[in-house]
Amino acid sequence: MGLTVVADSVNPSIITRNTWRNIAAEARVKVVEIEVVCTDTAKHRRRVESRTADFPDHALPNWRTVIERQYDP
């Protein structure tokens, strides 16, 4: 369709990042990855704990879930 796609997602593992890269390669389009890191732990926690779901019945992670999540740099 020739449209630009912006996919905003948490990709904590190399498997998910590689999947997005493979999709772009198959479509013969450029992929740009941007990683945003909040270095202020207190602010990050406040953001997690004050977040509201975008749609009904969507379960948001709590702070414990966030800090225990595996992340592949």
Protein backbone atom coordinates (compact mmCIF):
# COMPACT_ATOMS: atom_id res chain seq x y z
CA MET A 1 0.00 0.00 0.00
CA GLY A 2 3.03 2.25 0.21
CA LEU A 3 2.23 3.56 3.70
CA THR A 4 4.65 4.28 6.52
CA VAL A 5 4.20 2.11 9.61
CA VAL A 6 5.29 3.04 13.12
CA ALA A 7 5.17 0.10 15.51
CA ASP A 8 5.55 1.14 19.13
CA SER A 9 6.19 -1.86 21.31
CA VAL A 10 8.27 -3.26 24.11
CA ASN A 11 10.80 -5.61 22.57
CA PRO A 12 12.76 -6.91 25.54
CA SER A 13 14.27 -9.90 23.76
CA ILE A 14 16.44 -10.40 20.73
CA ILE A 15 13.81 -12.81 19.37
CA THR A 16 11.13 -10.12 19.12
CA ARG A 17 13.53 -7.54 17.72
CA ASN A 18 14.73 -10.01 15.09
CA THR A 19 11.13 -10.77 14.14
CA TRP A 20 10.47 -7.08 13.38
CA ARG A 21 13.74 -6.91 11.42
CA ASN A 22 12.79 -10.00 9.40
CA ILE A 23 9.37 -8.57 8.58
CA ALA A 24 11.01 -5.40 7.29
CA ALA A 25 13.53 -7.39 5.27
CA GLU A 26 10.79 -9.51 3.70
CA ALA A 27 8.89 -6.35 2.78
CA ARG A 28 12.12 -4.77 1.47
CA VAL A 29 11.70 -1.71 3.64
CA LYS A 30 13.94 0.12 6.05
CA VAL A 31 13.61 -0.57 9.75
CA VAL A 32 14.64 2.01 12.35
CA GLU A 33 14.91 1.01 15.98
CA ILE A 34 14.80 3.57 18.75
CA GLU A 35 15.35 2.56 22.35
CA VAL A 36 14.09 4.89 25.05
CA VAL A 37 15.50 4.40 28.54
CA CYS A 38 14.27 6.23 31.62
CA THR A 39 17.34 6.52 33.83
CA ASP A 40 15.36 8.07 36.69
CA THR A 41 14.05 4.99 38.54
CA ALA A 42 11.61 6.95 40.72
CA LYS A 43 10.11 8.68 37.69
CA HIS A 44 9.93 5.38 35.79
CA ARG A 45 8.10 3.76 38.71
CA ARG A 46 5.62 6.66 38.94
CA ARG A 47 4.92 6.35 35.22
CA VAL A 48 4.31 2.61 35.50
CA GLU A 49 2.10 2.91 38.56
CA SER A 50 0.01 5.83 37.25
CA ARG A 51 -0.57 4.48 33.76
CA THR A 52 -4.12 3.71 32.64
CA ALA A 53 -5.10 1.07 30.12
CA ASP A 54 -5.90 2.20 26.58
CA PHE A 55 -8.77 -0.25 26.24
CA PRO A 56 -11.07 -2.20 28.59
CA ASP A 57 -9.76 -5.33 30.31
CA HIS A 58 -6.17 -4.64 29.29
CA ALA A 59 -3.93 -5.77 32.15
CA LEU A 60 -1.03 -3.41 32.69
CA PRO A 61 2.20 -4.55 34.33
CA ASN A 62 2.90 -3.46 37.88
CA TRP A 63 6.29 -2.18 39.04
CA ARG A 64 7.46 -5.60 40.24
CA THR A 65 6.66 -7.12 36.85
CA VAL A 66 8.58 -4.35 35.11
CA ILE A 67 11.75 -4.68 37.18
CA GLU A 68 11.71 -8.50 36.99
CA ARG A 69 11.25 -8.56 33.20
CA GLN A 70 14.07 -10.16 31.28
CA TYR A 71 15.76 -7.74 28.92
CA ASP A 72 18.38 -8.58 26.28
CA PRO A 73 20.55 -5.53 25.68
